[in-house]
Structures are given as C-alpha cells and as structure tokens.
Amino acid sequence: MKRLMLLQASLAFAWLHAADEPADFIRFIEEEKSDSLQTAVVSYESPQKARVDLVGAIHIADKAYFDGLNARFKTYDAVLYELVGPPMEERGKSAPPKDSQKLQWVGQLQAMMKDALKLHGQLEGIDYKAKNFVHADMNMTQFTQTQDQKQESFLTLYLKAMQAQKEANEKRGVSSDAAGMVMLLKILTMKDSSTGLKRMIAREFDSVEGIMDGMESGDGTVLVGERNRVALEVMDKQINAGKKHLAIFYGAAHLADMEERLLKKGFKRTKTEWLTAWDLPHEK
C-alpha cells in the first residue's frame, strides 16, 4: 500500500511539474521516412469553465494543414484571428490607410517564401468568411501609434531579433555561418531543392520560441506583446457574451507570451495536440 501511495504521489508531482513548464507551440520532428514542421493546439480552462485553445499558425504551409484547420474551426463558438488592420470582411471596401505601407514587407516576404518553398498562403487557405470568425487584433492606427509611443521600428525589431538569435544559437551550440552556407549550397543543387530548403528553414523554426522570449524581454514589443493584449481583451468580451469554447488563431511565435497572460488570468493548461504544417519526405 505504501509503495502504491508513493507511486501515486510521484506521478502527481511529475504531472504538476510538467504543467508548470512553458508549453511548446512549434517543433521540428525528424523520423525515418519523413520529417515534419508541426504546430500545437494547446487547450486551457478558466475558473469559470470557459475553454480556450491557442492554435499556433504557420502563415505558409501545406494545403492539407489549412484544410484541417478549417474543419476544426467549425467546432468553436468563436475563432479569434490576427490581422493588423480592419476585419477581413471590411477589406477592399475603402482605400487602405497610408500607414499600411509599414507592413507591406511582411506580405511580400511571405509571398516570396510561399513561391520558393511551393507552399500555400494562410490568407488563401483559411475561410475567414466563417460566421464564427472574430477579428482580435489592432487596427492600423492603434498599431502605428503604439509603435511610435514605444519608439519601435523595423530597425529596432531587427536588432532585437539578431541579438535574440545570437543568444538562442549560443544555447544550442550553433555558431558557424559557414556551415549554414555550405548546407544552403548543397540544398540548391538537389533534385527537389524546395523540400531541402523547407527542411533547413523548419529546423530554424524550432528555435523561434527562444528568439521571441529574447525579443519580448524588458517592456516587450508591439508586434507581439501589445497585439496579444488586444487579442485577450477581445477574448474576455466574447466569454462575457456567453461564448464557452473559443480558439485564438495566431502565429505560433505569439503563443508563449499569450499562454503566460492566460495563466495569470487563472486559466489552467489541460492538453496539447500537434498538427503537421510541413510534411518533408526524405529523398529516395
């Protein structure tokens, strides 16, 4: 009996310790026949029994990934989505604000990567016209004004990211740029260079959470922390309106900070599920 009680106590301690560990929201898995870049769906429950899933997004991915998300999103009372600017249903009804040019580089970069890697884009792959979709992000005026207040610019974000990348690489024992260049040249000479390039980029995605932790240190960023604050304000309004099962569909890089905010609100993590965003079969 004593042994059984000790075993139960040790299992309970292990479970509590695991629950205290920050969740992972993106990972790279290497297997015998294929590798994969995966994103997490992590579930939480509030003291009032509202259930919230943080659904990590990769903005360019396999079509099957977006198809699976569309099916999943039908099961929620509300899906809160990220998109700086007006809600999706209002886009194209009026001229875009002048400040929208500040974020054009993001879309252009994603379009270039989508074509180079032979992937699909999130804006085309996700059904944003679904009735349960709720805009949960800053409008362009909020975004630019908050950036001005924080004196945040592309340059300051770039420098923060570079420093965070350096620190993350040191923790991983990665320091040689030359090795990366050799790998890139090798990939470009493969029969299917897009798969090789995806695998190389996917390995780097695996360290994104450490980089975002570094970027969000101090007073955080508008790009992540302040937008997350807005998203959870929308979540509170939806829960107060009677919604009991919600998804927050944001880029995976946002979700470590978002989890921390949920836990401070009294939410408890209940489960984690992994979805394959990029399927990377090995060459025969």
Protein backbone atom coordinates (compact mmCIF):
# COMPACT_ATOMS: atom_id res chain seq x y z
CA MET A 1 0.00 0.00 0.00
CA LYS A 2 2.82 2.41 0.92
CA ARG A 3 4.55 1.71 -2.40
CA LEU A 4 1.31 2.45 -4.28
CA MET A 5 0.85 5.72 -2.38
CA LEU A 6 4.46 6.73 -3.11
CA LEU A 7 3.99 5.92 -6.80
CA GLN A 8 0.78 7.99 -6.95
CA ALA A 9 2.48 10.88 -5.16
CA SER A 10 5.47 10.81 -7.52
CA LEU A 11 3.20 10.71 -10.59
CA ALA A 12 1.19 13.64 -9.25
CA PHE A 13 4.39 15.61 -8.62
CA ALA A 14 5.65 14.86 -12.13
CA TRP A 15 2.32 15.97 -13.65
CA LEU A 16 2.32 19.23 -11.66
CA HIS A 17 5.92 19.92 -12.61
CA ALA A 18 5.15 19.32 -16.30
CA ALA A 19 2.14 21.63 -16.06
CA ASP A 20 4.42 24.37 -14.72
CA GLU A 21 6.75 24.11 -17.71
CA PRO A 22 6.01 26.56 -20.55
CA ALA A 23 4.25 24.89 -23.48
CA ASP A 24 5.94 24.40 -26.84
CA PHE A 25 3.97 25.72 -29.81
CA ILE A 26 6.21 24.77 -32.72
CA ARG A 27 8.60 21.89 -33.27
CA PHE A 28 10.62 20.11 -35.94
CA ILE A 29 10.36 16.30 -35.91
CA GLU A 30 12.87 14.03 -37.66
CA GLU A 31 11.71 10.49 -38.49
CA GLU A 32 12.92 7.60 -40.63
CA LYS A 33 10.78 8.20 -43.74
CA SER A 34 9.93 11.88 -43.41
CA ASP A 35 10.41 14.94 -41.24
CA SER A 36 7.78 17.50 -40.31
CA LEU A 37 7.30 21.00 -39.00
CA GLN A 38 4.44 20.92 -36.52
CA THR A 39 2.37 23.50 -34.66
CA ALA A 40 0.46 22.98 -31.44
CA VAL A 41 -3.14 23.34 -30.38
CA VAL A 42 -2.90 23.89 -26.61
CA SER A 43 -6.10 23.87 -24.55
CA TYR A 44 -6.84 25.85 -21.38
CA GLU A 45 -9.76 26.12 -18.99
CA SER A 46 -10.74 29.15 -16.93
CA PRO A 47 -12.05 29.01 -13.33
CA GLN A 48 -15.49 29.70 -14.88
CA LYS A 49 -15.05 26.62 -17.16
CA ALA A 50 -14.60 28.56 -20.39
CA ARG A 51 -12.33 26.59 -22.76
CA VAL A 52 -9.77 28.37 -24.91
CA ASP A 53 -7.48 26.73 -27.48
CA LEU A 54 -4.34 28.53 -28.58
CA VAL A 55 -3.99 27.42 -32.21
CA GLY A 56 -0.49 28.08 -33.49
CA ALA A 57 -0.30 29.20 -37.10
CA ILE A 58 2.38 28.96 -39.76
CA HIS A 59 1.50 31.60 -42.35
CA ILE A 60 2.67 29.47 -45.27
CA ALA A 61 2.07 25.72 -45.12
CA ASP A 62 0.80 22.59 -46.88
CA LYS A 63 -2.76 22.85 -48.22
CA ALA A 64 -3.78 19.89 -46.04
CA TYR A 65 -2.79 21.87 -42.94
CA PHE A 66 -5.16 24.73 -43.78
CA ASP A 67 -7.92 22.30 -44.80
CA GLY A 68 -7.64 20.60 -41.42
CA LEU A 69 -7.78 23.93 -39.58
CA ASN A 70 -10.92 24.97 -41.50
CA ALA A 71 -12.66 21.76 -40.37
CA ARG A 72 -11.50 22.24 -36.77
CA PHE A 73 -12.63 25.88 -36.62
CA LYS A 74 -16.25 24.88 -37.30
CA THR A 75 -16.37 23.28 -33.84
CA TYR A 76 -15.80 26.54 -31.89
CA ASP A 77 -18.24 29.16 -30.65
CA ALA A 78 -15.75 31.81 -31.80
CA VAL A 79 -12.39 31.86 -33.58
CA LEU A 80 -10.35 34.95 -32.72
CA TYR A 81 -7.91 35.75 -35.51
CA GLU A 82 -4.91 38.02 -36.00
CA LEU A 83 -4.74 40.60 -38.77
CA VAL A 84 -3.42 44.12 -38.26
CA GLY A 85 -5.91 46.48 -39.88
CA PRO A 86 -9.66 46.21 -40.42
CA PRO A 87 -11.56 42.91 -40.06
CA MET A 88 -11.33 40.66 -43.10
CA GLU A 89 -14.93 41.38 -44.18
CA GLU A 90 -14.16 45.12 -44.44
CA ARG A 91 -11.01 44.76 -46.52
CA GLY A 92 -11.20 46.21 -50.00
CA LYS A 93 -14.24 48.39 -49.23
CA SER A 94 -12.14 51.52 -48.88
CA ALA A 95 -8.63 52.71 -49.69
CA PRO A 96 -6.01 51.27 -47.31
CA PRO A 97 -4.58 53.77 -44.78
CA LYS A 98 -1.20 55.31 -45.55
CA ASP A 99 0.33 53.62 -42.53
CA SER A 100 -0.44 50.18 -44.01
CA GLN A 101 2.72 50.54 -46.10
CA LYS A 102 4.71 49.87 -42.92
CA LEU A 103 3.66 46.21 -43.01
CA GLN A 104 3.78 45.62 -46.76
CA TRP A 105 7.21 43.99 -46.44
CA VAL A 106 5.69 41.21 -44.32
CA GLY A 107 3.24 40.19 -47.06
CA GLN A 108 5.90 40.50 -49.74
CA LEU A 109 8.29 38.28 -47.78
CA GLN A 110 5.61 35.66 -47.20
CA ALA A 111 4.70 35.66 -50.90
CA MET A 112 8.35 35.14 -51.88
CA MET A 113 8.73 32.27 -49.39
CA LYS A 114 5.45 30.68 -50.48
CA ASP A 115 6.61 30.52 -54.09
CA ALA A 116 10.17 29.39 -53.29
CA LEU A 117 9.01 26.64 -50.95
CA LYS A 118 5.98 25.53 -53.02
CA LEU A 119 3.56 26.10 -50.15
CA HIS A 120 0.12 27.71 -49.74
CA GLY A 121 -0.66 31.03 -48.06
CA GLN A 122 -2.79 31.36 -44.94
CA LEU A 123 -4.99 34.17 -46.30
CA GLU A 124 -5.97 31.99 -49.26
CA GLY A 125 -6.14 28.74 -47.30
CA ILE A 126 -8.28 29.79 -44.32
CA ASP A 127 -12.01 30.56 -44.60
CA TYR A 128 -12.10 33.98 -42.94
CA LYS A 129 -15.74 34.44 -44.03
CA ALA A 130 -16.90 31.85 -41.49
CA LYS A 131 -19.63 33.28 -39.23
CA ASN A 132 -17.78 32.41 -36.02
CA PHE A 133 -14.60 34.32 -37.01
CA VAL A 134 -13.91 37.39 -34.83
CA HIS A 135 -11.22 39.98 -35.53
CA ALA A 136 -8.91 40.16 -32.48
CA ASP A 137 -6.05 42.43 -33.44
CA MET A 138 -5.07 46.10 -33.61
CA ASN A 139 -6.31 48.34 -36.36
CA MET A 140 -3.59 50.14 -38.29
CA THR A 141 -3.93 53.39 -36.32
CA GLN A 142 -3.57 51.56 -32.98
CA PHE A 143 -0.57 49.66 -34.30
CA THR A 144 1.36 52.63 -35.63
CA GLN A 145 0.55 54.91 -32.68
CA THR A 146 1.66 52.27 -30.18
CA GLN A 147 4.85 51.69 -32.16
CA ASP A 148 5.54 55.43 -32.10
CA GLN A 149 4.98 55.52 -28.34
CA LYS A 150 7.40 52.63 -27.83
CA GLN A 151 9.81 54.02 -30.47
CA GLU A 152 9.61 50.67 -32.22
CA SER A 153 10.64 50.39 -35.86
CA PHE A 154 11.74 47.74 -38.33
CA LEU A 155 15.35 48.53 -37.39
CA THR A 156 14.84 48.18 -33.62
CA LEU A 157 12.94 44.91 -34.14
CA TYR A 158 15.67 43.63 -36.46
CA LEU A 159 18.39 44.42 -33.92
CA LYS A 160 16.39 42.76 -31.12
CA ALA A 161 15.84 39.70 -33.29
CA MET A 162 19.53 39.48 -34.20
CA GLN A 163 20.57 39.63 -30.55
CA ALA A 164 17.93 37.07 -29.55
CA GLN A 165 19.01 34.79 -32.44
CA LYS A 166 22.63 35.03 -31.31
CA GLU A 167 21.71 34.11 -27.73
CA ALA A 168 19.49 31.23 -28.91
CA ASN A 169 22.27 29.89 -31.15
CA GLU A 170 24.75 30.02 -28.27
CA LYS A 171 22.39 27.92 -26.14
CA ARG A 172 22.06 25.41 -29.00
CA GLY A 173 25.81 25.38 -29.67
CA VAL A 174 25.32 26.78 -33.20
CA SER A 175 27.88 29.37 -34.23
CA SER A 176 29.17 28.74 -37.74
CA ASP A 177 27.66 30.82 -40.55
CA ALA A 178 29.95 29.00 -42.98
CA ALA A 179 28.32 25.67 -42.15
CA GLY A 180 24.93 27.16 -42.93
CA MET A 181 26.16 28.45 -46.29
CA VAL A 182 27.58 25.03 -47.22
CA MET A 183 24.23 23.44 -46.34
CA LEU A 184 22.36 26.04 -48.44
CA LEU A 185 24.57 25.38 -51.49
CA LYS A 186 24.03 21.64 -51.06
CA ILE A 187 20.26 22.14 -50.94
CA LEU A 188 20.19 24.29 -54.07
CA THR A 189 21.85 21.50 -56.08
CA MET A 190 19.29 18.86 -55.02
CA LYS A 191 16.64 17.48 -57.39
CA ASP A 192 13.91 18.94 -55.20
CA SER A 193 15.55 22.00 -53.69
CA SER A 194 12.27 23.30 -52.25
CA THR A 195 11.97 20.31 -49.88
CA GLY A 196 15.59 20.68 -48.79
CA LEU A 197 15.15 24.40 -48.24
CA LYS A 198 11.95 23.77 -46.25
CA ARG A 199 13.81 21.29 -44.05
CA MET A 200 16.58 23.81 -43.40
CA ILE A 201 14.10 26.57 -42.53
CA ALA A 202 11.98 24.19 -40.43
CA ARG A 203 14.99 23.41 -38.25
CA GLU A 204 15.36 27.15 -37.61
CA PHE A 205 11.65 27.49 -36.78
CA ASP A 206 12.30 25.03 -33.95
CA SER A 207 14.21 27.79 -32.11
CA VAL A 208 11.64 30.55 -32.70
CA GLU A 209 10.24 30.45 -29.16
CA GLY A 210 13.65 31.13 -27.65
CA ILE A 211 14.12 34.05 -30.03
CA MET A 212 10.69 35.51 -29.18
CA ASP A 213 11.43 35.20 -25.46
CA GLY A 214 14.51 37.32 -26.04
CA MET A 215 12.62 39.89 -28.11
CA GLU A 216 9.82 40.18 -25.54
CA SER A 217 12.18 40.68 -22.61
CA GLY A 218 12.00 44.10 -20.96
CA ASP A 219 8.88 46.03 -21.96
CA GLY A 220 8.09 43.72 -24.90
CA THR A 221 7.16 44.66 -28.45
CA VAL A 222 4.09 46.00 -30.21
CA LEU A 223 4.48 43.31 -32.86
CA VAL A 224 3.81 40.55 -30.31
CA GLY A 225 3.07 41.60 -26.73
CA GLU A 226 0.77 44.57 -27.34
CA ARG A 227 -1.21 42.74 -30.03
CA ASN A 228 -1.58 39.78 -27.67
CA ARG A 229 -3.01 42.13 -25.06
CA VAL A 230 -5.65 43.28 -27.56
CA ALA A 231 -6.47 39.67 -28.52
CA LEU A 232 -7.14 38.69 -24.91
CA GLU A 233 -9.32 41.77 -24.40
CA VAL A 234 -11.45 40.50 -27.29
CA MET A 235 -11.43 37.03 -25.70
CA ASP A 236 -12.75 38.46 -22.42
CA LYS A 237 -15.58 40.21 -24.28
CA GLN A 238 -16.52 37.01 -26.10
CA ILE A 239 -16.55 34.99 -22.87
CA ASN A 240 -18.60 37.69 -21.13
CA ALA A 241 -21.06 37.48 -24.04
CA GLY A 242 -21.61 33.79 -23.25
CA LYS A 243 -19.12 32.02 -25.56
CA LYS A 244 -17.75 28.92 -23.83
CA HIS A 245 -15.41 27.32 -26.38
CA LEU A 246 -13.01 29.63 -28.20
CA ALA A 247 -9.94 29.36 -30.40
CA ILE A 248 -7.28 32.05 -30.64
CA PHE A 249 -5.67 31.62 -34.06
CA TYR A 250 -2.38 33.50 -34.01
CA GLY A 251 1.15 32.94 -35.30
CA ALA A 252 2.93 30.32 -33.21
CA ALA A 253 5.56 32.89 -32.21
CA HIS A 254 2.87 34.83 -30.30
CA LEU A 255 1.67 32.00 -28.14
CA ALA A 256 4.32 31.65 -25.41
CA ASP A 257 3.55 35.21 -24.33
CA MET A 258 -0.17 34.59 -24.75
CA GLU A 259 -0.01 31.47 -22.57
CA GLU A 260 1.72 33.46 -19.84
CA ARG A 261 -1.11 36.02 -19.94
CA LEU A 262 -3.76 33.27 -19.77
CA LEU A 263 -2.10 31.62 -16.77
CA LYS A 264 -2.01 34.95 -14.94
CA LYS A 265 -5.76 35.17 -15.53
CA GLY A 266 -6.22 31.85 -13.72
CA PHE A 267 -6.50 29.54 -16.74
CA LYS A 268 -5.08 26.01 -16.44
CA ARG A 269 -3.49 24.11 -19.32
CA THR A 270 -5.35 20.86 -19.99
CA LYS A 271 -3.94 19.23 -23.14
CA THR A 272 -1.73 19.65 -26.22
CA GLU A 273 -2.26 18.34 -29.77
CA TRP A 274 0.19 18.59 -32.65
CA LEU A 275 -0.65 19.34 -36.31
CA THR A 276 1.69 18.86 -39.29
CA ALA A 277 2.19 22.13 -41.16
CA TRP A 278 5.00 20.99 -43.45
CA ASP A 279 5.40 17.34 -44.47
CA LEU A 280 9.01 16.76 -45.54
CA PRO A 281 9.54 13.29 -47.05
CA HIS A 282 13.11 12.11 -47.47
CA GLU A 283 14.52 11.77 -50.98
CA LYS A 284 14.63 8.16 -52.22
